[in-house]
C-alpha atoms as a PDB file:
ATOM      1  CA  GLN A   1       0.194  -0.229   0.417  1.00  0.00           C
ATOM      2  CA  VAL A   2       2.762   2.582   0.314  1.00  0.00           C
ATOM      3  CA  GLN A   3       6.435   2.163  -0.853  1.00  0.00           C
ATOM      4  CA  LEU A   4       8.962   4.223  -0.412  1.00  0.00           C
ATOM      5  CA  VAL A   5      12.378   4.307  -2.931  1.00  0.00           C
ATOM      6  CA  GLU A   6      15.117   5.643  -2.193  1.00  0.00           C
ATOM      7  CA  SER A   7      17.662   6.835  -4.669  1.00  0.00           C
ATOM      8  CA  GLY A   8      21.080   8.439  -5.543  1.00  0.00           C
ATOM      9  CA  GLY A   9      23.536   6.103  -3.639  1.00  0.00           C
ATOM     10  CA  GLY A  10      27.004   4.984  -4.937  1.00  0.00           C
ATOM     11  CA  LEU A  11      31.204   5.488  -4.695  1.00  0.00           C
ATOM     12  CA  ALA A  12      32.173   9.169  -3.602  1.00  0.00           C
ATOM     13  CA  GLN A  13      35.101   9.933  -2.888  1.00  0.00           C
ATOM     14  CA  PRO A  14      36.432  11.408   0.195  1.00  0.00           C
ATOM     15  CA  GLY A  15      35.588  15.291   0.758  1.00  0.00           C
ATOM     16  CA  GLY A  16      33.118  14.498  -2.202  1.00  0.00           C
ATOM     17  CA  SER A  17      29.597  14.555  -1.920  1.00  0.00           C
ATOM     18  CA  ARG A  18      26.414  13.113  -2.864  1.00  0.00           C
ATOM     19  CA  ARG A  19      22.618  13.969  -2.947  1.00  0.00           C
ATOM     20  CA  LEU A  20      19.616  11.061  -1.377  1.00  0.00           C
ATOM     21  CA  SER A  21      17.005  11.340  -2.550  1.00  0.00           C
ATOM     22  CA  CYS A  22      13.343   8.826  -1.158  1.00  0.00           C
ATOM     23  CA  ALA A  23       9.766   8.725  -2.706  1.00  0.00           C
ATOM     24  CA  ALA A  24       7.124   8.210  -0.800  1.00  0.00           C
ATOM     25  CA  SER A  25       3.808   6.624  -2.429  1.00  0.00           C
ATOM     26  CA  GLY A  26       0.417   5.065  -2.511  1.00  0.00           C
ATOM     27  CA  SER A  27      -2.724   5.764  -0.831  1.00  0.00           C
ATOM     28  CA  ILE A  28      -1.575   8.584   1.566  1.00  0.00           C
ATOM     29  CA  LEU A  29      -3.613  10.740   3.019  1.00  0.00           C
ATOM     30  CA  SER A  30      -0.793  12.675   5.523  1.00  0.00           C
ATOM     31  CA  ILE A  31       3.374  11.735   6.752  1.00  0.00           C
ATOM     32  CA  ASN A  32       4.173  12.724   9.684  1.00  0.00           C
ATOM     33  CA  ALA A  33       8.053  12.608  10.681  1.00  0.00           C
ATOM     34  CA  MET A  34      10.828  12.080   7.359  1.00  0.00           C
ATOM     35  CA  GLY A  35      14.400  10.491   7.974  1.00  0.00           C
ATOM     36  CA  TRP A  36      16.965   9.260   6.909  1.00  0.00           C
ATOM     37  CA  TYR A  37      18.825   5.776   8.865  1.00  0.00           C
ATOM     38  CA  ARG A  38      22.062   4.214   7.755  1.00  0.00           C
ATOM     39  CA  GLN A  39      23.656   0.836   8.544  1.00  0.00           C
ATOM     40  CA  ALA A  40      27.507  -0.228   8.283  1.00  0.00           C
ATOM     41  CA  PRO A  41      28.381  -4.106   8.148  1.00  0.00           C
ATOM     42  CA  GLY A  42      27.943  -5.582  11.793  1.00  0.00           C
ATOM     43  CA  THR A  43      26.685  -2.518  13.176  1.00  0.00           C
ATOM     44  CA  SER A  44      22.827  -1.214  14.633  1.00  0.00           C
ATOM     45  CA  ARG A  45      21.140   0.701  12.302  1.00  0.00           C
ATOM     46  CA  ASP A  46      21.141   4.605  13.295  1.00  0.00           C
ATOM     47  CA  SER A  47      19.438   7.584  12.652  1.00  0.00           C
ATOM     48  CA  VAL A  48      20.797  10.225  10.326  1.00  0.00           C
ATOM     49  CA  ALA A  49      18.901  13.197  10.056  1.00  0.00           C
ATOM     50  CA  ILE A  50      15.157  13.508  10.620  1.00  0.00           C
ATOM     51  CA  SER A  51      13.169  16.313   9.176  1.00  0.00           C
ATOM     52  CA  HIS A  52       9.981  16.453  11.479  1.00  0.00           C
ATOM     53  CA  SER A  53       6.413  17.700  10.317  1.00  0.00           C
ATOM     54  CA  ASP A  54       6.898  21.423  12.213  1.00  0.00           C
ATOM     55  CA  GLY A  55       9.444  22.050  10.377  1.00  0.00           C
ATOM     56  CA  THR A  56      12.425  21.573  12.619  1.00  0.00           C
ATOM     57  CA  THR A  57      15.467  19.600  11.759  1.00  0.00           C
ATOM     58  CA  ASN A  58      17.969  16.629  13.964  1.00  0.00           C
ATOM     59  CA  TYR A  59      20.972  15.582  13.192  1.00  0.00           C
ATOM     60  CA  ALA A  60      23.603  12.797  14.173  1.00  0.00           C
ATOM     61  CA  ASP A  61      26.279  14.585  15.246  1.00  0.00           C
ATOM     62  CA  SER A  62      28.765  12.814  13.509  1.00  0.00           C
ATOM     63  CA  VAL A  63      26.697  14.144  10.553  1.00  0.00           C
ATOM     64  CA  LYS A  64      26.384  17.918  11.687  1.00  0.00           C
ATOM     65  CA  GLY A  65      27.860  20.777   9.539  1.00  0.00           C
ATOM     66  CA  ARG A  66      28.316  18.326   6.246  1.00  0.00           C
ATOM     67  CA  PHE A  67      24.823  16.370   5.638  1.00  0.00           C
ATOM     68  CA  THR A  68      21.236  18.625   5.105  1.00  0.00           C
ATOM     69  CA  ILE A  69      17.791  17.292   4.922  1.00  0.00           C
ATOM     70  CA  SER A  70      15.252  18.527   3.283  1.00  0.00           C
ATOM     71  CA  ARG A  71      11.596  17.709   2.502  1.00  0.00           C
ATOM     72  CA  ASP A  72       9.354  18.987  -0.826  1.00  0.00           C
ATOM     73  CA  ASN A  73       6.180  17.486   1.276  1.00  0.00           C
ATOM     74  CA  ALA A  74       3.710  18.311  -2.313  1.00  0.00           C
ATOM     75  CA  LYS A  75       5.466  15.533  -3.829  1.00  0.00           C
ATOM     76  CA  ASN A  76       6.102  13.201  -0.597  1.00  0.00           C
ATOM     77  CA  MET A  77       9.640  13.472  -1.211  1.00  0.00           C
ATOM     78  CA  VAL A  78      12.799  13.688   1.630  1.00  0.00           C
ATOM     79  CA  TYR A  79      16.207  14.551   0.358  1.00  0.00           C
ATOM     80  CA  LEU A  80      19.532  14.630   1.981  1.00  0.00           C
ATOM     81  CA  GLN A  81      22.437  16.325   0.735  1.00  0.00           C
ATOM     82  CA  MET A  82      25.751  14.610   1.639  1.00  0.00           C
ATOM     83  CA  ASN A  83      29.032  16.580   1.926  1.00  0.00           C
ATOM     84  CA  LYS A  84      32.793  16.041   3.201  1.00  0.00           C
ATOM     85  CA  LEU A  85      31.571  12.117   2.834  1.00  0.00           C
ATOM     86  CA  GLU A  86      34.466  10.460   4.874  1.00  0.00           C
ATOM     87  CA  PRO A  87      34.824   6.859   4.908  1.00  0.00           C
ATOM     88  CA  ALA A  88      32.646   6.504   7.819  1.00  0.00           C
ATOM     89  CA  ASP A  89      29.770   7.274   5.903  1.00  0.00           C
ATOM     90  CA  THR A  90      30.305   4.401   4.378  1.00  0.00           C
ATOM     91  CA  ALA A  91      27.013   2.337   4.690  1.00  0.00           C
ATOM     92  CA  VAL A  92      23.438   1.729   3.315  1.00  0.00           C
ATOM     93  CA  TYR A  93      20.947   4.389   4.059  1.00  0.00           C
ATOM     94  CA  TYR A  94      17.474   3.848   4.462  1.00  0.00           C
ATOM     95  CA  CYS A  95      14.021   6.139   4.205  1.00  0.00           C
ATOM     96  CA  PHE A  96      11.408   5.678   7.052  1.00  0.00           C
ATOM     97  CA  ALA A  97       8.479   7.998   7.438  1.00  0.00           C
ATOM     98  CA  PRO A  98       4.877   7.311   9.704  1.00  0.00           C
ATOM     99  CA  ILE A  99       2.940   7.635   7.512  1.00  0.00           C
ATOM    100  CA  ARG A 100      -0.576   7.818   7.794  1.00  0.00           C
ATOM    101  CA  LEU A 101      -2.678   5.897   4.939  1.00  0.00           C
ATOM    102  CA  ARG A 102      -6.532   6.713   3.538  1.00  0.00           C
ATOM    103  CA  GLY A 103      -9.143   5.616   5.737  1.00  0.00           C
ATOM    104  CA  GLY A 104      -6.624   4.637   8.389  1.00  0.00           C
ATOM    105  CA  ARG A 105      -6.978   5.605  11.568  1.00  0.00           C
ATOM    106  CA  HIS A 106      -3.053   5.413  12.585  1.00  0.00           C
ATOM    107  CA  TYR A 107       0.593   6.347  11.359  1.00  0.00           C
ATOM    108  CA  GLN A 108       2.855   3.442  10.647  1.00  0.00           C
ATOM    109  CA  GLY A 109       6.014   3.274  10.203  1.00  0.00           C
ATOM    110  CA  SER A 110       7.483   2.492   6.568  1.00  0.00           C
ATOM    111  CA  TRP A 111      10.964   1.579   5.498  1.00  0.00           C
ATOM    112  CA  GLY A 112      12.619   2.345   1.897  1.00  0.00           C
ATOM    113  CA  GLN A 113      14.656  -0.992   0.490  1.00  0.00           C
ATOM    114  CA  GLY A 114      17.695   0.933   0.877  1.00  0.00           C
ATOM    115  CA  THR A 115      20.539   2.173  -1.271  1.00  0.00           C
ATOM    116  CA  GLN A 116      24.510   1.541  -0.542  1.00  0.00           C
ATOM    117  CA  VAL A 117      26.740   4.714  -0.265  1.00  0.00           C
ATOM    118  CA  THR A 118      30.254   4.472  -0.582  1.00  0.00           C
ATOM    119  CA  VAL A 119      33.425   6.422   0.516  1.00  0.00           C
ATOM    120  CA  SER A 120      36.866   5.768  -0.433  1.00  0.00           C
ATOM    121  CA  SER A 121      40.003   6.888  -2.678  1.00  0.00           C
END
């Protein structure tokens, strides 16, 4: 019923940039927060950046000043601009959003399939 699809992953050099996109589609009534998480091999899935419905944003300390999250509510999309990339940023990046479906009474969390970002020279 709801699908989140990420794009924009790939290989980047240290110090480089990449822009991730996530599109939500389906019978959507409303979306609460939209965020990005990442998971490197052998680690847990951690929050990277969240854009709340009131316009506020939160970032992991490790990406503050380098990553920027933005939303296009009309298109149900969220973006992650990643600058000054470091090898430690290498991970699978996942889009997440609590979504309320048409006819639904509650928000349910939805995940994308993930997109790989590799930072290496």
